[in-house]
Amino acid sequence: MRPCPAFDIPPGYLARPAALADADAIQRLVAVCEHAAHGAAPAVPDGVAARLTLPGVDPARDTVLVSGPDGTCAAWAWVRGRRCAIDV
């Protein structure tokens, strides 16, 4: 496996691995992104929690959560094998 290169984020933003406790905040972000892209939010409210608890998923290795200066979820990414999801 190749290491992931570091990336720069704007001042005041914080990047860290996602945790199950972040699932509701991430789900709200996903709903906003899906509504903007497709005109409707996903019908599965615990889709993020399901991804974070899949067998073999290690949130420290497989996720990144970016919080804005006010602490709200600004972006998240999840990777598992050849599958991924990114919402900004």
PDB file of N, CA and C in Angstrom:
ATOM      1  N   MET A   1       0.837  -1.164   0.000  1.00  0.00           N
ATOM      2  CA  MET A   1       0.000   0.000   0.000  1.00  0.00           C
ATOM      3  C   MET A   1       0.892   1.240   0.000  1.00  0.00           C
ATOM      4  N   ARG A   2       0.565   2.217  -0.852  1.00  0.00           N
ATOM      5  CA  ARG A   2       1.323   3.461  -0.903  1.00  0.00           C
ATOM      6  C   ARG A   2       0.821   4.416   0.170  1.00  0.00           C
ATOM      7  N   PRO A   3       1.717   5.179   0.793  1.00  0.00           N
ATOM      8  CA  PRO A   3       1.268   6.151   1.787  1.00  0.00           C
ATOM      9  C   PRO A   3       0.517   7.290   1.118  1.00  0.00           C
ATOM     10  N   CYS A   4      -0.423   7.831   1.832  1.00  0.00           N
ATOM     11  CA  CYS A   4      -1.210   8.960   1.346  1.00  0.00           C
ATOM     12  C   CYS A   4      -0.401  10.243   1.528  1.00  0.00           C
ATOM     13  N   PRO A   5      -0.291  11.063   0.491  1.00  0.00           N
ATOM     14  CA  PRO A   5       0.452  12.309   0.652  1.00  0.00           C
ATOM     15  C   PRO A   5      -0.297  13.266   1.578  1.00  0.00           C
ATOM     16  N   ALA A   6       0.445  14.103   2.247  1.00  0.00           N
ATOM     17  CA  ALA A   6      -0.169  15.111   3.113  1.00  0.00           C
ATOM     18  C   ALA A   6      -0.884  16.135   2.242  1.00  0.00           C
ATOM     19  N   PHE A   7      -1.855  16.795   2.796  1.00  0.00           N
ATOM     20  CA  PHE A   7      -2.564  17.824   2.058  1.00  0.00           C
ATOM     21  C   PHE A   7      -2.715  19.048   2.952  1.00  0.00           C
ATOM     22  N   ASP A   8      -2.822  20.191   2.310  1.00  0.00           N
ATOM     23  CA  ASP A   8      -2.979  21.443   3.041  1.00  0.00           C
ATOM     24  C   ASP A   8      -4.452  21.767   3.176  1.00  0.00           C
ATOM     25  N   ILE A   9      -4.828  22.276   4.328  1.00  0.00           N
ATOM     26  CA  ILE A   9      -6.186  22.751   4.535  1.00  0.00           C
ATOM     27  C   ILE A   9      -6.098  24.205   4.978  1.00  0.00           C
ATOM     28  N   PRO A  10      -7.159  24.974   4.783  1.00  0.00           N
ATOM     29  CA  PRO A  10      -7.117  26.393   5.144  1.00  0.00           C
ATOM     30  C   PRO A  10      -6.881  26.593   6.641  1.00  0.00           C
ATOM     31  N   PRO A  11      -6.296  27.729   7.007  1.00  0.00           N
ATOM     32  CA  PRO A  11      -6.103  28.035   8.431  1.00  0.00           C
ATOM     33  C   PRO A  11      -7.431  27.978   9.181  1.00  0.00           C
ATOM     34  N   GLY A  12      -7.394  27.433  10.370  1.00  0.00           N
ATOM     35  CA  GLY A  12      -8.595  27.323  11.193  1.00  0.00           C
ATOM     36  C   GLY A  12      -9.340  26.015  11.025  1.00  0.00           C
ATOM     37  N   TYR A  13      -9.021  25.260   9.976  1.00  0.00           N
ATOM     38  CA  TYR A  13      -9.645  23.959   9.751  1.00  0.00           C
ATOM     39  C   TYR A  13      -8.770  22.880  10.370  1.00  0.00           C
ATOM     40  N   LEU A  14      -9.389  21.775  10.760  1.00  0.00           N
ATOM     41  CA  LEU A  14      -8.671  20.683  11.411  1.00  0.00           C
ATOM     42  C   LEU A  14      -9.026  19.368  10.725  1.00  0.00           C
ATOM     43  N   ALA A  15      -8.030  18.579  10.355  1.00  0.00           N
ATOM     44  CA  ALA A  15      -8.247  17.258   9.753  1.00  0.00           C
ATOM     45  C   ALA A  15      -7.849  16.189  10.752  1.00  0.00           C
ATOM     46  N   ARG A  16      -8.692  15.165  10.859  1.00  0.00           N
ATOM     47  CA  ARG A  16      -8.433  14.043  11.767  1.00  0.00           C
ATOM     48  C   ARG A  16      -9.237  12.849  11.276  1.00  0.00           C
ATOM     49  N   PRO A  17      -8.961  11.660  11.793  1.00  0.00           N
ATOM     50  CA  PRO A  17      -9.790  10.505  11.435  1.00  0.00           C
ATOM     51  C   PRO A  17     -11.219  10.694  11.967  1.00  0.00           C
ATOM     52  N   ALA A  18     -12.178  10.176  11.235  1.00  0.00           N
ATOM     53  CA  ALA A  18     -13.567  10.201  11.691  1.00  0.00           C
ATOM     54  C   ALA A  18     -13.761   9.138  12.766  1.00  0.00           C
ATOM     55  N   ALA A  19     -14.749   9.357  13.618  1.00  0.00           N
ATOM     56  CA  ALA A  19     -15.104   8.396  14.666  1.00  0.00           C
ATOM     57  C   ALA A  19     -16.603   8.142  14.597  1.00  0.00           C
ATOM     58  N   LEU A  20     -17.043   7.050  15.172  1.00  0.00           N
ATOM     59  CA  LEU A  20     -18.465   6.725  15.178  1.00  0.00           C
ATOM     60  C   LEU A  20     -19.280   7.857  15.798  1.00  0.00           C
ATOM     61  N   ALA A  21     -18.724   8.548  16.775  1.00  0.00           N
ATOM     62  CA  ALA A  21     -19.423   9.674  17.407  1.00  0.00           C
ATOM     63  C   ALA A  21     -19.670  10.824  16.428  1.00  0.00           C
ATOM     64  N   ASP A  22     -18.953  10.852  15.306  1.00  0.00           N
ATOM     65  CA  ASP A  22     -19.120  11.897  14.291  1.00  0.00           C
ATOM     66  C   ASP A  22     -20.190  11.548  13.261  1.00  0.00           C
ATOM     67  N   ALA A  23     -20.764  10.365  13.334  1.00  0.00           N
ATOM     68  CA  ALA A  23     -21.653   9.873  12.275  1.00  0.00           C
ATOM     69  C   ALA A  23     -22.823  10.808  11.997  1.00  0.00           C
ATOM     70  N   ASP A  24     -23.470  11.355  13.016  1.00  0.00           N
ATOM     71  CA  ASP A  24     -24.613  12.245  12.781  1.00  0.00           C
ATOM     72  C   ASP A  24     -24.190  13.516  12.052  1.00  0.00           C
ATOM     73  N   ALA A  25     -23.081  14.121  12.471  1.00  0.00           N
ATOM     74  CA  ALA A  25     -22.596  15.340  11.816  1.00  0.00           C
ATOM     75  C   ALA A  25     -22.196  15.051  10.372  1.00  0.00           C
ATOM     76  N   ILE A  26     -21.547  13.922  10.145  1.00  0.00           N
ATOM     77  CA  ILE A  26     -21.156  13.552   8.784  1.00  0.00           C
ATOM     78  C   ILE A  26     -22.399  13.298   7.943  1.00  0.00           C
ATOM     79  N   GLN A  27     -23.395  12.633   8.521  1.00  0.00           N
ATOM     80  CA  GLN A  27     -24.624  12.345   7.779  1.00  0.00           C
ATOM     81  C   GLN A  27     -25.328  13.631   7.362  1.00  0.00           C
ATOM     82  N   ARG A  28     -25.295  14.658   8.222  1.00  0.00           N
ATOM     83  CA  ARG A  28     -25.883  15.954   7.850  1.00  0.00           C
ATOM     84  C   ARG A  28     -25.130  16.549   6.654  1.00  0.00           C
ATOM     85  N   LEU A  29     -23.802  16.450   6.668  1.00  0.00           N
ATOM     86  CA  LEU A  29     -23.008  16.941   5.540  1.00  0.00           C
ATOM     87  C   LEU A  29     -23.345  16.167   4.267  1.00  0.00           C
ATOM     88  N   VAL A  30     -23.436  14.855   4.363  1.00  0.00           N
ATOM     89  CA  VAL A  30     -23.780  14.022   3.209  1.00  0.00           C
ATOM     90  C   VAL A  30     -25.142  14.434   2.651  1.00  0.00           C
ATOM     91  N   ALA A  31     -26.113  14.675   3.527  1.00  0.00           N
ATOM     92  CA  ALA A  31     -27.453  15.069   3.086  1.00  0.00           C
ATOM     93  C   ALA A  31     -27.416  16.396   2.330  1.00  0.00           C
ATOM     94  N   VAL A  32     -26.656  17.359   2.828  1.00  0.00           N
ATOM     95  CA  VAL A  32     -26.532  18.657   2.151  1.00  0.00           C
ATOM     96  C   VAL A  32     -25.883  18.474   0.781  1.00  0.00           C
ATOM     97  N   CYS A  33     -24.823  17.686   0.716  1.00  0.00           N
ATOM     98  CA  CYS A  33     -24.129  17.449  -0.555  1.00  0.00           C
ATOM     99  C   CYS A  33     -25.021  16.717  -1.553  1.00  0.00           C
ATOM    100  N   GLU A  34     -25.715  15.689  -1.097  1.00  0.00           N
ATOM    101  CA  GLU A  34     -26.605  14.930  -1.980  1.00  0.00           C
ATOM    102  C   GLU A  34     -27.756  15.803  -2.476  1.00  0.00           C
ATOM    103  N   HIS A  35     -28.298  16.629  -1.597  1.00  0.00           N
ATOM    104  CA  HIS A  35     -29.393  17.512  -2.003  1.00  0.00           C
ATOM    105  C   HIS A  35     -28.906  18.504  -3.057  1.00  0.00           C
ATOM    106  N   ALA A  36     -27.714  19.063  -2.856  1.00  0.00           N
ATOM    107  CA  ALA A  36     -27.162  20.011  -3.824  1.00  0.00           C
ATOM    108  C   ALA A  36     -26.870  19.341  -5.166  1.00  0.00           C
ATOM    109  N   ALA A  37     -26.379  18.128  -5.140  1.00  0.00           N
ATOM    110  CA  ALA A  37     -25.997  17.433  -6.373  1.00  0.00           C
ATOM    111  C   ALA A  37     -27.173  16.779  -7.089  1.00  0.00           C
ATOM    112  N   HIS A  38     -28.134  16.250  -6.313  1.00  0.00           N
ATOM    113  CA  HIS A  38     -29.188  15.432  -6.912  1.00  0.00           C
ATOM    114  C   HIS A  38     -30.606  15.904  -6.606  1.00  0.00           C
ATOM    115  N   GLY A  39     -30.744  16.945  -5.789  1.00  0.00           N
ATOM    116  CA  GLY A  39     -32.068  17.461  -5.472  1.00  0.00           C
ATOM    117  C   GLY A  39     -32.782  16.710  -4.365  1.00  0.00           C
ATOM    118  N   ALA A  40     -32.146  15.721  -3.781  1.00  0.00           N
ATOM    119  CA  ALA A  40     -32.749  14.955  -2.688  1.00  0.00           C
ATOM    120  C   ALA A  40     -31.647  14.393  -1.806  1.00  0.00           C
ATOM    121  N   ALA A  41     -31.963  14.264  -0.532  1.00  0.00           N
ATOM    122  CA  ALA A  41     -31.015  13.686   0.424  1.00  0.00           C
ATOM    123  C   ALA A  41     -31.190  12.170   0.457  1.00  0.00           C
ATOM    124  N   PRO A  42     -30.158  11.429   0.846  1.00  0.00           N
ATOM    125  CA  PRO A  42     -30.287   9.974   0.918  1.00  0.00           C
ATOM    126  C   PRO A  42     -31.317   9.556   1.960  1.00  0.00           C
ATOM    127  N   ALA A  43     -31.987   8.454   1.689  1.00  0.00           N
ATOM    128  CA  ALA A  43     -33.031   7.975   2.593  1.00  0.00           C
ATOM    129  C   ALA A  43     -32.478   7.149   3.745  1.00  0.00           C
ATOM    130  N   VAL A  44     -31.194   6.825   3.722  1.00  0.00           N
ATOM    131  CA  VAL A  44     -30.597   5.974   4.753  1.00  0.00           C
ATOM    132  C   VAL A  44     -29.895   6.850   5.784  1.00  0.00           C
ATOM    133  N   PRO A  45     -30.535   7.109   6.928  1.00  0.00           N
ATOM    134  CA  PRO A  45     -29.942   8.024   7.901  1.00  0.00           C
ATOM    135  C   PRO A  45     -28.690   7.497   8.584  1.00  0.00           C
ATOM    136  N   ASP A  46     -28.508   6.174   8.667  1.00  0.00           N
ATOM    137  CA  ASP A  46     -27.302   5.673   9.342  1.00  0.00           C
ATOM    138  C   ASP A  46     -26.298   5.078   8.365  1.00  0.00           C
ATOM    139  N   GLY A  47     -26.277   5.562   7.142  1.00  0.00           N
ATOM    140  CA  GLY A  47     -25.324   5.067   6.162  1.00  0.00           C
ATOM    141  C   GLY A  47     -23.881   5.305   6.566  1.00  0.00           C
ATOM    142  N   VAL A  48     -23.612   6.450   7.173  1.00  0.00           N
ATOM    143  CA  VAL A  48     -22.244   6.755   7.608  1.00  0.00           C
ATOM    144  C   VAL A  48     -21.828   5.817   8.731  1.00  0.00           C
ATOM    145  N   ALA A  49     -22.700   5.634   9.710  1.00  0.00           N
ATOM    146  CA  ALA A  49     -22.389   4.722  10.823  1.00  0.00           C
ATOM    147  C   ALA A  49     -22.139   3.313  10.292  1.00  0.00           C
ATOM    148  N   ALA A  50     -22.915   2.902   9.298  1.00  0.00           N
ATOM    149  CA  ALA A  50     -22.722   1.570   8.712  1.00  0.00           C
ATOM    150  C   ALA A  50     -21.347   1.459   8.056  1.00  0.00           C
ATOM    151  N   ARG A  51     -20.929   2.504   7.336  1.00  0.00           N
ATOM    152  CA  ARG A  51     -19.604   2.474   6.706  1.00  0.00           C
ATOM    153  C   ARG A  51     -18.489   2.420   7.741  1.00  0.00           C
ATOM    154  N   LEU A  52     -18.642   3.188   8.815  1.00  0.00           N
ATOM    155  CA  LEU A  52     -17.589   3.252   9.832  1.00  0.00           C
ATOM    156  C   LEU A  52     -17.446   1.957  10.623  1.00  0.00           C
ATOM    157  N   THR A  53     -18.485   1.115  10.601  1.00  0.00           N
ATOM    158  CA  THR A  53     -18.444  -0.120  11.384  1.00  0.00           C
ATOM    159  C   THR A  53     -18.363  -1.379  10.515  1.00  0.00           C
ATOM    160  N   LEU A  54     -18.100  -1.212   9.223  1.00  0.00           N
ATOM    161  CA  LEU A  54     -17.929  -2.382   8.359  1.00  0.00           C
ATOM    162  C   LEU A  54     -16.730  -3.201   8.824  1.00  0.00           C
ATOM    163  N   PRO A  55     -16.814  -4.528   8.715  1.00  0.00           N
ATOM    164  CA  PRO A  55     -15.656  -5.355   9.071  1.00  0.00           C
ATOM    165  C   PRO A  55     -14.431  -4.942   8.258  1.00  0.00           C
ATOM    166  N   GLY A  56     -13.324  -4.804   8.927  1.00  0.00           N
ATOM    167  CA  GLY A  56     -12.081  -4.446   8.265  1.00  0.00           C
ATOM    168  C   GLY A  56     -11.815  -2.960   8.140  1.00  0.00           C
ATOM    169  N   VAL A  57     -12.816  -2.129   8.436  1.00  0.00           N
ATOM    170  CA  VAL A  57     -12.611  -0.681   8.355  1.00  0.00           C
ATOM    171  C   VAL A  57     -11.889  -0.206   9.611  1.00  0.00           C
ATOM    172  N   ASP A  58     -10.831   0.523   9.403  1.00  0.00           N
ATOM    173  CA  ASP A  58     -10.079   1.145  10.488  1.00  0.00           C
ATOM    174  C   ASP A  58     -10.187   2.653  10.284  1.00  0.00           C
ATOM    175  N   PRO A  59     -11.059   3.338  11.043  1.00  0.00           N
ATOM    176  CA  PRO A  59     -11.241   4.773  10.831  1.00  0.00           C
ATOM    177  C   PRO A  59      -9.939   5.575  10.864  1.00  0.00           C
ATOM    178  N   ALA A  60      -8.981   5.171  11.674  1.00  0.00           N
ATOM    179  CA  ALA A  60      -7.710   5.897  11.737  1.00  0.00           C
ATOM    180  C   ALA A  60      -6.949   5.812  10.415  1.00  0.00           C
ATOM    181  N   ARG A  61      -7.148   4.742   9.675  1.00  0.00           N
ATOM    182  CA  ARG A  61      -6.456   4.524   8.408  1.00  0.00           C
ATOM    183  C   ARG A  61      -7.333   4.882   7.208  1.00  0.00           C
ATOM    184  N   ASP A  62      -8.637   4.669   7.325  1.00  0.00           N
ATOM    185  CA  ASP A  62      -9.527   4.704   6.170  1.00  0.00           C
ATOM    186  C   ASP A  62     -10.401   5.945   6.053  1.00  0.00           C
ATOM    187  N   THR A  63     -10.321   6.877   6.997  1.00  0.00           N
ATOM    188  CA  THR A  63     -11.197   8.049   6.961  1.00  0.00           C
ATOM    189  C   THR A  63     -10.424   9.325   7.259  1.00  0.00           C
ATOM    190  N   VAL A  64     -10.998  10.429   6.830  1.00  0.00           N
ATOM    191  CA  VAL A  64     -10.530  11.753   7.254  1.00  0.00           C
ATOM    192  C   VAL A  64     -11.769  12.629   7.398  1.00  0.00           C
ATOM    193  N   LEU A  65     -11.788  13.400   8.452  1.00  0.00           N
ATOM    194  CA  LEU A  65     -12.867  14.345   8.729  1.00  0.00           C
ATOM    195  C   LEU A  65     -12.232  15.717   8.856  1.00  0.00           C
ATOM    196  N   VAL A  66     -12.774  16.700   8.157  1.00  0.00           N
ATOM    197  CA  VAL A  66     -12.277  18.072   8.247  1.00  0.00           C
ATOM    198  C   VAL A  66     -13.347  18.910   8.922  1.00  0.00           C
ATOM    199  N   SER A  67     -12.962  19.551  10.020  1.00  0.00           N
ATOM    200  CA  SER A  67     -13.864  20.437  10.756  1.00  0.00           C
ATOM    201  C   SER A  67     -13.508  21.873  10.438  1.00  0.00           C
ATOM    202  N   GLY A  68     -14.553  22.705  10.301  1.00  0.00           N
ATOM    203  CA  GLY A  68     -14.343  24.120  10.039  1.00  0.00           C
ATOM    204  C   GLY A  68     -13.976  24.868  11.307  1.00  0.00           C
ATOM    205  N   PRO A  69     -13.677  26.162  11.180  1.00  0.00           N
ATOM    206  CA  PRO A  69     -13.299  26.967  12.339  1.00  0.00           C
ATOM    207  C   PRO A  69     -14.352  26.967  13.448  1.00  0.00           C
ATOM    208  N   ASP A  70     -15.616  26.793  13.073  1.00  0.00           N
ATOM    209  CA  ASP A  70     -16.684  26.770  14.081  1.00  0.00           C
ATOM    210  C   ASP A  70     -16.944  25.367  14.622  1.00  0.00           C
ATOM    211  N   GLY A  71     -16.151  24.388  14.180  1.00  0.00           N
ATOM    212  CA  GLY A  71     -16.285  23.020  14.674  1.00  0.00           C
ATOM    213  C   GLY A  71     -17.223  22.142  13.874  1.00  0.00           C
ATOM    214  N   THR A  72     -17.929  22.713  12.894  1.00  0.00           N
ATOM    215  CA  THR A  72     -18.847  21.897  12.101  1.00  0.00           C
ATOM    216  C   THR A  72     -18.080  21.060  11.079  1.00  0.00           C
ATOM    217  N   CYS A  73     -18.692  19.977  10.683  1.00  0.00           N
ATOM    218  CA  CYS A  73     -18.111  19.062   9.702  1.00  0.00           C
ATOM    219  C   CYS A  73     -18.118  19.752   8.334  1.00  0.00           C
ATOM    220  N   ALA A  74     -16.936  19.992   7.777  1.00  0.00           N
ATOM    221  CA  ALA A  74     -16.816  20.674   6.492  1.00  0.00           C
ATOM    222  C   ALA A  74     -16.554  19.699   5.343  1.00  0.00           C
ATOM    223  N   ALA A  75     -15.935  18.566   5.635  1.00  0.00           N
ATOM    224  CA  ALA A  75     -15.625  17.574   4.603  1.00  0.00           C
ATOM    225  C   ALA A  75     -15.323  16.243   5.270  1.00  0.00           C
ATOM    226  N   TRP A  76     -15.516  15.177   4.504  1.00  0.00           N
ATOM    227  CA  TRP A  76     -15.140  13.852   5.010  1.00  0.00           C
ATOM    228  C   TRP A  76     -14.851  12.954   3.828  1.00  0.00           C
ATOM    229  N   ALA A  77     -13.992  11.993   4.041  1.00  0.00           N
ATOM    230  CA  ALA A  77     -13.674  11.004   3.018  1.00  0.00           C
ATOM    231  C   ALA A  77     -13.538   9.645   3.687  1.00  0.00           C
ATOM    232  N   TRP A  78     -13.923   8.604   2.955  1.00  0.00           N
ATOM    233  CA  TRP A  78     -13.889   7.225   3.441  1.00  0.00           C
ATOM    234  C   TRP A  78     -13.396   6.364   2.291  1.00  0.00           C
ATOM    235  N   VAL A  79     -12.439   5.493   2.557  1.00  0.00           N
ATOM    236  CA  VAL A  79     -11.891   4.603   1.535  1.00  0.00           C
ATOM    237  C   VAL A  79     -11.851   3.192   2.095  1.00  0.00           C
ATOM    238  N   ARG A  80     -12.284   2.232   1.277  1.00  0.00           N
ATOM    239  CA  ARG A  80     -12.210   0.815   1.667  1.00  0.00           C
ATOM    240  C   ARG A  80     -11.971   0.015   0.402  1.00  0.00           C
ATOM    241  N   GLY A  81     -10.755  -0.453   0.249  1.00  0.00           N
ATOM    242  CA  GLY A  81     -10.425  -1.189  -0.970  1.00  0.00           C
ATOM    243  C   GLY A  81     -10.584  -0.295  -2.185  1.00  0.00           C
ATOM    244  N   ARG A  82     -11.463  -0.689  -3.094  1.00  0.00           N
ATOM    245  CA  ARG A  82     -11.711   0.105  -4.302  1.00  0.00           C
ATOM    246  C   ARG A  82     -12.935   1.000  -4.168  1.00  0.00           C
ATOM    247  N   ARG A  83     -13.563   1.009  -3.012  1.00  0.00           N
ATOM    248  CA  ARG A  83     -14.751   1.845  -2.794  1.00  0.00           C
ATOM    249  C   ARG A  83     -14.355   3.087  -2.018  1.00  0.00           C
ATOM    250  N   CYS A  84     -15.031   4.189  -2.286  1.00  0.00           N
ATOM    251  CA  CYS A  84     -14.744   5.410  -1.542  1.00  0.00           C
ATOM    252  C   CYS A  84     -15.953   6.331  -1.577  1.00  0.00           C
ATOM    253  N   ALA A  85     -15.944   7.305  -0.696  1.00  0.00           N
ATOM    254  CA  ALA A  85     -16.954   8.358  -0.668  1.00  0.00           C
ATOM    255  C   ALA A  85     -16.265   9.623  -0.201  1.00  0.00           C
ATOM    256  N   ILE A  86     -16.588  10.736  -0.839  1.00  0.00           N
ATOM    257  CA  ILE A  86     -16.038  12.028  -0.453  1.00  0.00           C
ATOM    258  C   ILE A  86     -17.170  13.038  -0.497  1.00  0.00           C
ATOM    259  N   ASP A  87     -17.349  13.782   0.573  1.00  0.00           N
ATOM    260  CA  ASP A  87     -18.347  14.847   0.626  1.00  0.00           C
ATOM    261  C   ASP A  87     -17.672  16.094   1.161  1.00  0.00           C
ATOM    262  N   VAL A  88     -17.873  17.220   0.462  1.00  0.00           N
ATOM    263  CA  VAL A  88     -17.265  18.489   0.869  1.00  0.00           C
ATOM    264  C   VAL A  88     -18.341  19.553   0.889  1.00  0.00           C
TER     265      VAL A  88
END
